[in-house]
Structure formats: C-alpha cells, structure tokens
Amino acid sequence: FMRVSRATAEEHYKEHSAKPFFAGLVEYITACPIV
C-alpha cells in the first residue's frame, strides 16, 4: 500500500509522455494511495 512518487509515475507512463492525457495520468496516480 503506497503513494506513487511523481518520478515513478512519469517513468511508469513514459510511453504516453507525448500524449495530451499524460499529465492527467501522472496527477491521478500520485494523488491518492494505490496498492
């Protein structure tokens, strides 16, 4: 049970980095805890 850091989120979603929804993905996954 953890909070994802911004750096981990950006690396995890790096294949989407040029897409318009990238920032939203990173914000969402880092906003609250995940499992």
PDB file of all heavy atoms in Angstrom:
ATOM      1  N   PHE A   1       0.889  -1.157   0.000  1.00  0.00           N
ATOM      2  CA  PHE A   1       0.000   0.000   0.000  1.00  0.00           C
ATOM      3  C   PHE A   1       0.922   1.200   0.000  1.00  0.00           C
ATOM      4  O   PHE A   1       1.770   1.328   0.889  1.00  0.00           O
ATOM      5  CB  PHE A   1      -0.878  -0.044   1.246  1.00  0.00           C
ATOM      6  CG  PHE A   1      -1.896   1.045   1.338  1.00  0.00           C
ATOM      7  CD1 PHE A   1      -2.933   1.125   0.428  1.00  0.00           C
ATOM      8  CD2 PHE A   1      -1.832   1.981   2.353  1.00  0.00           C
ATOM      9  CE1 PHE A   1      -3.898   2.125   0.529  1.00  0.00           C
ATOM     10  CE2 PHE A   1      -2.782   2.978   2.473  1.00  0.00           C
ATOM     11  CZ  PHE A   1      -3.824   3.049   1.547  1.00  0.00           C
ATOM     12  N   MET A   2       0.786   2.082  -0.999  1.00  0.00           N
ATOM     13  CA  MET A   2       1.800   3.116  -1.166  1.00  0.00           C
ATOM     14  C   MET A   2       1.272   4.334  -1.901  1.00  0.00           C
ATOM     15  O   MET A   2       0.222   4.277  -2.526  1.00  0.00           O
ATOM     16  CB  MET A   2       2.986   2.553  -1.957  1.00  0.00           C
ATOM     17  CG  MET A   2       2.600   2.137  -3.376  1.00  0.00           C
ATOM     18  SD  MET A   2       3.939   1.405  -4.335  1.00  0.00           S
ATOM     19  CE  MET A   2       4.973   2.808  -4.645  1.00  0.00           C
ATOM     20  N   ARG A   3       2.025   5.392  -1.805  1.00  0.00           N
ATOM     21  CA  ARG A   3       1.814   6.559  -2.656  1.00  0.00           C
ATOM     22  C   ARG A   3       2.895   6.507  -3.728  1.00  0.00           C
ATOM     23  O   ARG A   3       4.069   6.273  -3.415  1.00  0.00           O
ATOM     24  CB  ARG A   3       1.905   7.836  -1.854  1.00  0.00           C
ATOM     25  CG  ARG A   3       0.718   7.998  -0.910  1.00  0.00           C
ATOM     26  CD  ARG A   3       0.717   9.368  -0.302  1.00  0.00           C
ATOM     27  NE  ARG A   3       0.097  10.314  -1.226  1.00  0.00           N
ATOM     28  CZ  ARG A   3      -1.100  10.863  -1.026  1.00  0.00           C
ATOM     29  NH1 ARG A   3      -1.790  10.568   0.048  1.00  0.00           N
ATOM     30  NH2 ARG A   3      -1.590  11.707  -1.902  1.00  0.00           N
ATOM     31  N   VAL A   4       2.502   6.745  -4.959  1.00  0.00           N
ATOM     32  CA  VAL A   4       3.445   6.725  -6.073  1.00  0.00           C
ATOM     33  C   VAL A   4       4.095   8.101  -6.194  1.00  0.00           C
ATOM     34  O   VAL A   4       3.396   9.112  -6.211  1.00  0.00           O
ATOM     35  CB  VAL A   4       2.720   6.360  -7.389  1.00  0.00           C
ATOM     36  CG1 VAL A   4       3.689   6.353  -8.561  1.00  0.00           C
ATOM     37  CG2 VAL A   4       2.015   5.012  -7.262  1.00  0.00           C
ATOM     38  N   SER A   5       5.410   8.123  -6.269  1.00  0.00           N
ATOM     39  CA  SER A   5       6.110   9.399  -6.453  1.00  0.00           C
ATOM     40  C   SER A   5       5.909   9.892  -7.883  1.00  0.00           C
ATOM     41  O   SER A   5       5.629   9.115  -8.801  1.00  0.00           O
ATOM     42  CB  SER A   5       7.610   9.226  -6.179  1.00  0.00           C
ATOM     43  OG  SER A   5       8.209   8.481  -7.222  1.00  0.00           O
ATOM     44  N   ARG A   6       6.083  11.190  -8.068  1.00  0.00           N
ATOM     45  CA  ARG A   6       5.962  11.775  -9.413  1.00  0.00           C
ATOM     46  C   ARG A   6       6.971  11.125 -10.361  1.00  0.00           C
ATOM     47  O   ARG A   6       6.653  10.790 -11.498  1.00  0.00           O
ATOM     48  CB  ARG A   6       6.159  13.282  -9.361  1.00  0.00           C
ATOM     49  CG  ARG A   6       6.118  13.951 -10.735  1.00  0.00           C
ATOM     50  CD  ARG A   6       5.946  15.442 -10.657  1.00  0.00           C
ATOM     51  NE  ARG A   6       4.656  15.824 -10.135  1.00  0.00           N
ATOM     52  CZ  ARG A   6       3.512  15.807 -10.833  1.00  0.00           C
ATOM     53  NH1 ARG A   6       3.515  15.396 -12.079  1.00  0.00           N
ATOM     54  NH2 ARG A   6       2.386  16.179 -10.281  1.00  0.00           N
ATOM     55  N   ALA A   7       8.208  10.926  -9.902  1.00  0.00           N
ATOM     56  CA  ALA A   7       9.252  10.333 -10.744  1.00  0.00           C
ATOM     57  C   ALA A   7       8.872   8.910 -11.177  1.00  0.00           C
ATOM     58  O   ALA A   7       9.042   8.547 -12.347  1.00  0.00           O
ATOM     59  CB  ALA A   7      10.592  10.331 -10.011  1.00  0.00           C
ATOM     60  N   THR A   8       8.354   8.121 -10.252  1.00  0.00           N
ATOM     61  CA  THR A   8       7.938   6.756 -10.587  1.00  0.00           C
ATOM     62  C   THR A   8       6.773   6.783 -11.562  1.00  0.00           C
ATOM     63  O   THR A   8       6.738   6.017 -12.528  1.00  0.00           O
ATOM     64  CB  THR A   8       7.572   5.973  -9.316  1.00  0.00           C
ATOM     65  OG1 THR A   8       8.734   5.886  -8.489  1.00  0.00           O
ATOM     66  CG2 THR A   8       7.078   4.581  -9.631  1.00  0.00           C
ATOM     67  N   ALA A   9       5.803   7.662 -11.328  1.00  0.00           N
ATOM     68  CA  ALA A   9       4.647   7.772 -12.222  1.00  0.00           C
ATOM     69  C   ALA A   9       5.079   8.160 -13.632  1.00  0.00           C
ATOM     70  O   ALA A   9       4.609   7.578 -14.623  1.00  0.00           O
ATOM     71  CB  ALA A   9       3.649   8.783 -11.670  1.00  0.00           C
ATOM     72  N   GLU A  10       5.969   9.135 -13.737  1.00  0.00           N
ATOM     73  CA  GLU A  10       6.435   9.574 -15.049  1.00  0.00           C
ATOM     74  C   GLU A  10       7.189   8.458 -15.775  1.00  0.00           C
ATOM     75  O   GLU A  10       7.041   8.283 -16.985  1.00  0.00           O
ATOM     76  CB  GLU A  10       7.290  10.824 -14.916  1.00  0.00           C
ATOM     77  CG  GLU A  10       6.458  12.050 -14.563  1.00  0.00           C
ATOM     78  CD  GLU A  10       7.272  13.296 -14.277  1.00  0.00           C
ATOM     79  OE1 GLU A  10       8.527  13.212 -14.197  1.00  0.00           O
ATOM     80  OE2 GLU A  10       6.647  14.362 -14.127  1.00  0.00           O
ATOM     81  N   GLU A  11       7.985   7.699 -15.040  1.00  0.00           N
ATOM     82  CA  GLU A  11       8.688   6.569 -15.642  1.00  0.00           C
ATOM     83  C   GLU A  11       7.710   5.464 -16.034  1.00  0.00           C
ATOM     84  O   GLU A  11       7.816   4.871 -17.114  1.00  0.00           O
ATOM     85  CB  GLU A  11       9.755   6.039 -14.678  1.00  0.00           C
ATOM     86  CG  GLU A  11      10.564   4.889 -15.223  1.00  0.00           C
ATOM     87  CD  GLU A  11      11.412   5.218 -16.444  1.00  0.00           C
ATOM     88  OE1 GLU A  11      11.732   6.395 -16.670  1.00  0.00           O
ATOM     89  OE2 GLU A  11      11.750   4.278 -17.188  1.00  0.00           O
ATOM     90  N   HIS A  12       6.749   5.189 -15.177  1.00  0.00           N
ATOM     91  CA  HIS A  12       5.758   4.140 -15.442  1.00  0.00           C
ATOM     92  C   HIS A  12       4.959   4.442 -16.710  1.00  0.00           C
ATOM     93  O   HIS A  12       4.714   3.552 -17.519  1.00  0.00           O
ATOM     94  CB  HIS A  12       4.816   3.997 -14.238  1.00  0.00           C
ATOM     95  CG  HIS A  12       3.748   2.986 -14.424  1.00  0.00           C
ATOM     96  ND1 HIS A  12       4.000   1.637 -14.546  1.00  0.00           N
ATOM     97  CD2 HIS A  12       2.405   3.120 -14.534  1.00  0.00           C
ATOM     98  CE1 HIS A  12       2.864   0.995 -14.704  1.00  0.00           C
ATOM     99  NE2 HIS A  12       1.883   1.869 -14.707  1.00  0.00           N
ATOM    100  N   TYR A  13       4.573   5.686 -16.889  1.00  0.00           N
ATOM    101  CA  TYR A  13       3.744   6.087 -18.031  1.00  0.00           C
ATOM    102  C   TYR A  13       4.547   6.734 -19.161  1.00  0.00           C
ATOM    103  O   TYR A  13       3.985   7.401 -20.018  1.00  0.00           O
ATOM    104  CB  TYR A  13       2.661   7.059 -17.563  1.00  0.00           C
ATOM    105  CG  TYR A  13       1.569   6.431 -16.735  1.00  0.00           C
ATOM    106  CD1 TYR A  13       1.273   6.908 -15.463  1.00  0.00           C
ATOM    107  CD2 TYR A  13       0.814   5.368 -17.224  1.00  0.00           C
ATOM    108  CE1 TYR A  13       0.263   6.340 -14.702  1.00  0.00           C
ATOM    109  CE2 TYR A  13      -0.195   4.790 -16.473  1.00  0.00           C
ATOM    110  CZ  TYR A  13      -0.471   5.280 -15.213  1.00  0.00           C
ATOM    111  OH  TYR A  13      -1.465   4.722 -14.467  1.00  0.00           O
ATOM    112  N   LYS A  14       5.857   6.521 -19.215  1.00  0.00           N
ATOM    113  CA  LYS A  14       6.714   7.230 -20.166  1.00  0.00           C
ATOM    114  C   LYS A  14       6.306   7.028 -21.624  1.00  0.00           C
ATOM    115  O   LYS A  14       6.497   7.920 -22.437  1.00  0.00           O
ATOM    116  CB  LYS A  14       8.181   6.889 -19.954  1.00  0.00           C
ATOM    117  CG  LYS A  14       8.601   5.507 -20.384  1.00  0.00           C
ATOM    118  CD  LYS A  14      10.082   5.302 -20.114  1.00  0.00           C
ATOM    119  CE  LYS A  14      10.508   3.908 -20.543  1.00  0.00           C
ATOM    120  NZ  LYS A  14      11.922   3.699 -20.273  1.00  0.00           N
ATOM    121  N   GLU A  15       5.718   5.901 -21.977  1.00  0.00           N
ATOM    122  CA  GLU A  15       5.303   5.689 -23.371  1.00  0.00           C
ATOM    123  C   GLU A  15       4.169   6.622 -23.784  1.00  0.00           C
ATOM    124  O   GLU A  15       3.887   6.795 -24.963  1.00  0.00           O
ATOM    125  CB  GLU A  15       4.915   4.221 -23.633  1.00  0.00           C
ATOM    126  CG  GLU A  15       3.637   3.771 -22.961  1.00  0.00           C
ATOM    127  CD  GLU A  15       3.827   3.237 -21.548  1.00  0.00           C
ATOM    128  OE1 GLU A  15       4.928   3.378 -20.976  1.00  0.00           O
ATOM    129  OE2 GLU A  15       2.859   2.684 -21.010  1.00  0.00           O
ATOM    130  N   HIS A  16       3.525   7.255 -22.805  1.00  0.00           N
ATOM    131  CA  HIS A  16       2.440   8.202 -23.080  1.00  0.00           C
ATOM    132  C   HIS A  16       2.890   9.662 -22.916  1.00  0.00           C
ATOM    133  O   HIS A  16       2.060  10.564 -22.977  1.00  0.00           O
ATOM    134  CB  HIS A  16       1.262   7.954 -22.127  1.00  0.00           C
ATOM    135  CG  HIS A  16       0.703   6.579 -22.219  1.00  0.00           C
ATOM    136  ND1 HIS A  16       0.146   6.070 -23.367  1.00  0.00           N
ATOM    137  CD2 HIS A  16       0.614   5.591 -21.286  1.00  0.00           C
ATOM    138  CE1 HIS A  16      -0.269   4.824 -23.144  1.00  0.00           C
ATOM    139  NE2 HIS A  16       0.015   4.514 -21.898  1.00  0.00           N
ATOM    140  N   SER A  17       4.177   9.901 -22.724  1.00  0.00           N
ATOM    141  CA  SER A  17       4.658  11.236 -22.359  1.00  0.00           C
ATOM    142  C   SER A  17       4.324  12.315 -23.390  1.00  0.00           C
ATOM    143  O   SER A  17       4.164  13.482 -23.019  1.00  0.00           O
ATOM    144  CB  SER A  17       6.159  11.223 -22.069  1.00  0.00           C
ATOM    145  OG  SER A  17       6.877  10.846 -23.225  1.00  0.00           O
ATOM    146  N   ALA A  18       4.202  11.979 -24.654  1.00  0.00           N
ATOM    147  CA  ALA A  18       3.881  12.975 -25.687  1.00  0.00           C
ATOM    148  C   ALA A  18       2.379  13.142 -25.904  1.00  0.00           C
ATOM    149  O   ALA A  18       1.965  13.997 -26.684  1.00  0.00           O
ATOM    150  CB  ALA A  18       4.554  12.575 -27.001  1.00  0.00           C
ATOM    151  N   LYS A  19       1.582  12.364 -25.214  1.00  0.00           N
ATOM    152  CA  LYS A  19       0.130  12.415 -25.410  1.00  0.00           C
ATOM    153  C   LYS A  19      -0.500  13.460 -24.501  1.00  0.00           C
ATOM    154  O   LYS A  19       0.005  13.748 -23.413  1.00  0.00           O
ATOM    155  CB  LYS A  19      -0.464  11.031 -25.174  1.00  0.00           C
ATOM    156  CG  LYS A  19       0.067  10.018 -26.182  1.00  0.00           C
ATOM    157  CD  LYS A  19      -0.441   8.623 -25.928  1.00  0.00           C
ATOM    158  CE  LYS A  19       0.174   7.666 -26.941  1.00  0.00           C
ATOM    159  NZ  LYS A  19      -0.022   6.287 -26.580  1.00  0.00           N
ATOM    160  N   PRO A  20      -1.620  14.022 -24.928  1.00  0.00           N
ATOM    161  CA  PRO A  20      -2.232  15.105 -24.145  1.00  0.00           C
ATOM    162  C   PRO A  20      -2.741  14.678 -22.768  1.00  0.00           C
ATOM    163  O   PRO A  20      -2.877  15.520 -21.882  1.00  0.00           O
ATOM    164  CB  PRO A  20      -3.380  15.591 -25.031  1.00  0.00           C
ATOM    165  CG  PRO A  20      -3.600  14.530 -26.048  1.00  0.00           C
ATOM    166  CD  PRO A  20      -2.314  13.762 -26.180  1.00  0.00           C
ATOM    167  N   PHE A  21      -2.980  13.404 -22.563  1.00  0.00           N
ATOM    168  CA  PHE A  21      -3.508  12.935 -21.274  1.00  0.00           C
ATOM    169  C   PHE A  21      -2.424  12.531 -20.282  1.00  0.00           C
ATOM    170  O   PHE A  21      -2.715  12.136 -19.149  1.00  0.00           O
ATOM    171  CB  PHE A  21      -4.496  11.771 -21.478  1.00  0.00           C
ATOM    172  CG  PHE A  21      -3.926  10.596 -22.227  1.00  0.00           C
ATOM    173  CD1 PHE A  21      -3.187   9.619 -21.571  1.00  0.00           C
ATOM    174  CD2 PHE A  21      -4.146  10.455 -23.591  1.00  0.00           C
ATOM    175  CE1 PHE A  21      -2.671   8.526 -22.249  1.00  0.00           C
ATOM    176  CE2 PHE A  21      -3.640   9.362 -24.281  1.00  0.00           C
ATOM    177  CZ  PHE A  21      -2.898   8.397 -23.610  1.00  0.00           C
ATOM    178  N   PHE A  22      -1.137  12.657 -20.669  1.00  0.00           N
ATOM    179  CA  PHE A  22      -0.033  12.237 -19.806  1.00  0.00           C
ATOM    180  C   PHE A  22      -0.056  12.937 -18.447  1.00  0.00           C
ATOM    181  O   PHE A  22       0.043  12.285 -17.405  1.00  0.00           O
ATOM    182  CB  PHE A  22       1.307  12.483 -20.507  1.00  0.00           C
ATOM    183  CG  PHE A  22       2.512  12.162 -19.659  1.00  0.00           C
ATOM    184  CD1 PHE A  22       2.861  10.841 -19.391  1.00  0.00           C
ATOM    185  CD2 PHE A  22       3.309  13.164 -19.131  1.00  0.00           C
ATOM    186  CE1 PHE A  22       3.971  10.530 -18.619  1.00  0.00           C
ATOM    187  CE2 PHE A  22       4.424  12.870 -18.358  1.00  0.00           C
ATOM    188  CZ  PHE A  22       4.754  11.549 -18.104  1.00  0.00           C
ATOM    189  N   ALA A  23      -0.183  14.240 -18.443  1.00  0.00           N
ATOM    190  CA  ALA A  23      -0.175  15.000 -17.181  1.00  0.00           C
ATOM    191  C   ALA A  23      -1.297  14.533 -16.262  1.00  0.00           C
ATOM    192  O   ALA A  23      -1.106  14.382 -15.050  1.00  0.00           O
ATOM    193  CB  ALA A  23      -0.283  16.494 -17.438  1.00  0.00           C
ATOM    194  N   GLY A  24      -2.460  14.271 -16.832  1.00  0.00           N
ATOM    195  CA  GLY A  24      -3.588  13.783 -16.040  1.00  0.00           C
ATOM    196  C   GLY A  24      -3.330  12.407 -15.443  1.00  0.00           C
ATOM    197  O   GLY A  24      -3.724  12.143 -14.303  1.00  0.00           O
ATOM    198  N   LEU A  25      -2.680  11.520 -16.202  1.00  0.00           N
ATOM    199  CA  LEU A  25      -2.325  10.189 -15.683  1.00  0.00           C
ATOM    200  C   LEU A  25      -1.408  10.311 -14.472  1.00  0.00           C
ATOM    201  O   LEU A  25      -1.629   9.661 -13.443  1.00  0.00           O
ATOM    202  CB  LEU A  25      -1.591   9.368 -16.747  1.00  0.00           C
ATOM    203  CG  LEU A  25      -2.365   8.718 -17.861  1.00  0.00           C
ATOM    204  CD1 LEU A  25      -1.416   8.074 -18.863  1.00  0.00           C
ATOM    205  CD2 LEU A  25      -3.337   7.691 -17.323  1.00  0.00           C
ATOM    206  N   VAL A  26      -0.392  11.150 -14.609  1.00  0.00           N
ATOM    207  CA  VAL A  26       0.575  11.331 -13.529  1.00  0.00           C
ATOM    208  C   VAL A  26      -0.100  11.943 -12.305  1.00  0.00           C
ATOM    209  O   VAL A  26       0.092  11.464 -11.176  1.00  0.00           O
ATOM    210  CB  VAL A  26       1.781  12.180 -14.002  1.00  0.00           C
ATOM    211  CG1 VAL A  26       2.681  12.550 -12.837  1.00  0.00           C
ATOM    212  CG2 VAL A  26       2.558  11.436 -15.081  1.00  0.00           C
ATOM    213  N   GLU A  27      -0.904  12.972 -12.509  1.00  0.00           N
ATOM    214  CA  GLU A  27      -1.613  13.608 -11.387  1.00  0.00           C
ATOM    215  C   GLU A  27      -2.522  12.611 -10.674  1.00  0.00           C
ATOM    216  O   GLU A  27      -2.566  12.561  -9.442  1.00  0.00           O
ATOM    217  CB  GLU A  27      -2.435  14.808 -11.878  1.00  0.00           C
ATOM    218  CG  GLU A  27      -1.609  15.999 -12.274  1.00  0.00           C
ATOM    219  CD  GLU A  27      -0.716  16.525 -11.164  1.00  0.00           C
ATOM    220  OE1 GLU A  27      -1.173  16.617  -9.997  1.00  0.00           O
ATOM    221  OE2 GLU A  27       0.453  16.831 -11.455  1.00  0.00           O
ATOM    222  N   TYR A  28      -3.242  11.837 -11.443  1.00  0.00           N
ATOM    223  CA  TYR A  28      -4.199  10.883 -10.870  1.00  0.00           C
ATOM    224  C   TYR A  28      -3.502   9.804 -10.039  1.00  0.00           C
ATOM    225  O   TYR A  28      -3.873   9.553  -8.892  1.00  0.00           O
ATOM    226  CB  TYR A  28      -5.023  10.247 -11.987  1.00  0.00           C
ATOM    227  CG  TYR A  28      -5.910   9.151 -11.506  1.00  0.00           C
ATOM    228  CD1 TYR A  28      -6.925   9.406 -10.584  1.00  0.00           C
ATOM    229  CD2 TYR A  28      -5.725   7.853 -11.939  1.00  0.00           C
ATOM    230  CE1 TYR A  28      -7.733   8.381 -10.115  1.00  0.00           C
ATOM    231  CE2 TYR A  28      -6.534   6.832 -11.483  1.00  0.00           C
ATOM    232  CZ  TYR A  28      -7.527   7.103 -10.572  1.00  0.00           C
ATOM    233  OH  TYR A  28      -8.316   6.093 -10.107  1.00  0.00           O
ATOM    234  N   ILE A  29      -2.478   9.164 -10.585  1.00  0.00           N
ATOM    235  CA  ILE A  29      -1.844   8.028  -9.898  1.00  0.00           C
ATOM    236  C   ILE A  29      -1.045   8.480  -8.677  1.00  0.00           C
ATOM    237  O   ILE A  29      -0.798   7.692  -7.766  1.00  0.00           O
ATOM    238  CB  ILE A  29      -0.980   7.199 -10.880  1.00  0.00           C
ATOM    239  CG1 ILE A  29      -0.759   5.773 -10.372  1.00  0.00           C
ATOM    240  CG2 ILE A  29       0.339   7.873 -11.172  1.00  0.00           C
ATOM    241  CD1 ILE A  29      -1.930   4.860 -10.520  1.00  0.00           C
ATOM    242  N   THR A  30      -0.666   9.777  -8.631  1.00  0.00           N
ATOM    243  CA  THR A  30       0.099  10.284  -7.489  1.00  0.00           C
ATOM    244  C   THR A  30      -0.783  10.970  -6.450  1.00  0.00           C
ATOM    245  O   THR A  30      -0.302  11.299  -5.364  1.00  0.00           O
ATOM    246  CB  THR A  30       1.192  11.274  -7.947  1.00  0.00           C
ATOM    247  OG1 THR A  30       0.585  12.376  -8.631  1.00  0.00           O
ATOM    248  CG2 THR A  30       2.213  10.606  -8.845  1.00  0.00           C
ATOM    249  N   ALA A  31      -2.051  11.176  -6.743  1.00  0.00           N
ATOM    250  CA  ALA A  31      -2.931  11.959  -5.867  1.00  0.00           C
ATOM    251  C   ALA A  31      -3.345  11.224  -4.596  1.00  0.00           C
ATOM    252  O   ALA A  31      -3.525  11.845  -3.552  1.00  0.00           O
ATOM    253  CB  ALA A  31      -4.175  12.400  -6.628  1.00  0.00           C
ATOM    254  N   CYS A  32      -3.506   9.919  -4.693  1.00  0.00           N
ATOM    255  CA  CYS A  32      -4.010   9.107  -3.573  1.00  0.00           C
ATOM    256  C   CYS A  32      -3.245   7.792  -3.538  1.00  0.00           C
ATOM    257  O   CYS A  32      -2.644   7.403  -4.524  1.00  0.00           O
ATOM    258  CB  CYS A  32      -5.499   8.810  -3.772  1.00  0.00           C
ATOM    259  SG  CYS A  32      -6.529  10.273  -3.810  1.00  0.00           S
ATOM    260  N   PRO A  33      -3.313   7.083  -2.428  1.00  0.00           N
ATOM    261  CA  PRO A  33      -2.611   5.794  -2.343  1.00  0.00           C
ATOM    262  C   PRO A  33      -3.141   4.761  -3.335  1.00  0.00           C
ATOM    263  O   PRO A  33      -4.296   4.830  -3.757  1.00  0.00           O
ATOM    264  CB  PRO A  33      -2.873   5.325  -0.912  1.00  0.00           C
ATOM    265  CG  PRO A  33      -3.242   6.549  -0.166  1.00  0.00           C
ATOM    266  CD  PRO A  33      -3.930   7.441  -1.147  1.00  0.00           C
ATOM    267  N   ILE A  34      -2.281   3.843  -3.675  1.00  0.00           N
ATOM    268  CA  ILE A  34      -2.616   2.699  -4.519  1.00  0.00           C
ATOM    269  C   ILE A  34      -2.175   1.434  -3.793  1.00  0.00           C
ATOM    270  O   ILE A  34      -1.496   1.504  -2.765  1.00  0.00           O
ATOM    271  CB  ILE A  34      -1.915   2.765  -5.889  1.00  0.00           C
ATOM    272  CG1 ILE A  34      -0.393   2.648  -5.717  1.00  0.00           C
ATOM    273  CG2 ILE A  34      -2.301   4.022  -6.658  1.00  0.00           C
ATOM    274  CD1 ILE A  34       0.322   2.073  -6.891  1.00  0.00           C
ATOM    275  N   VAL A  35      -2.518   0.284  -4.351  1.00  0.00           N
ATOM    276  CA  VAL A  35      -1.972  -0.991  -3.901  1.00  0.00           C
ATOM    277  C   VAL A  35      -1.230  -1.591  -5.089  1.00  0.00           C
ATOM    278  O   VAL A  35      -1.817  -1.778  -6.162  1.00  0.00           O
ATOM    279  CB  VAL A  35      -3.059  -1.948  -3.386  1.00  0.00           C
ATOM    280  CG1 VAL A  35      -2.464  -3.310  -3.062  1.00  0.00           C
ATOM    281  CG2 VAL A  35      -3.741  -1.356  -2.161  1.00  0.00           C
TER     282      VAL A  35
END
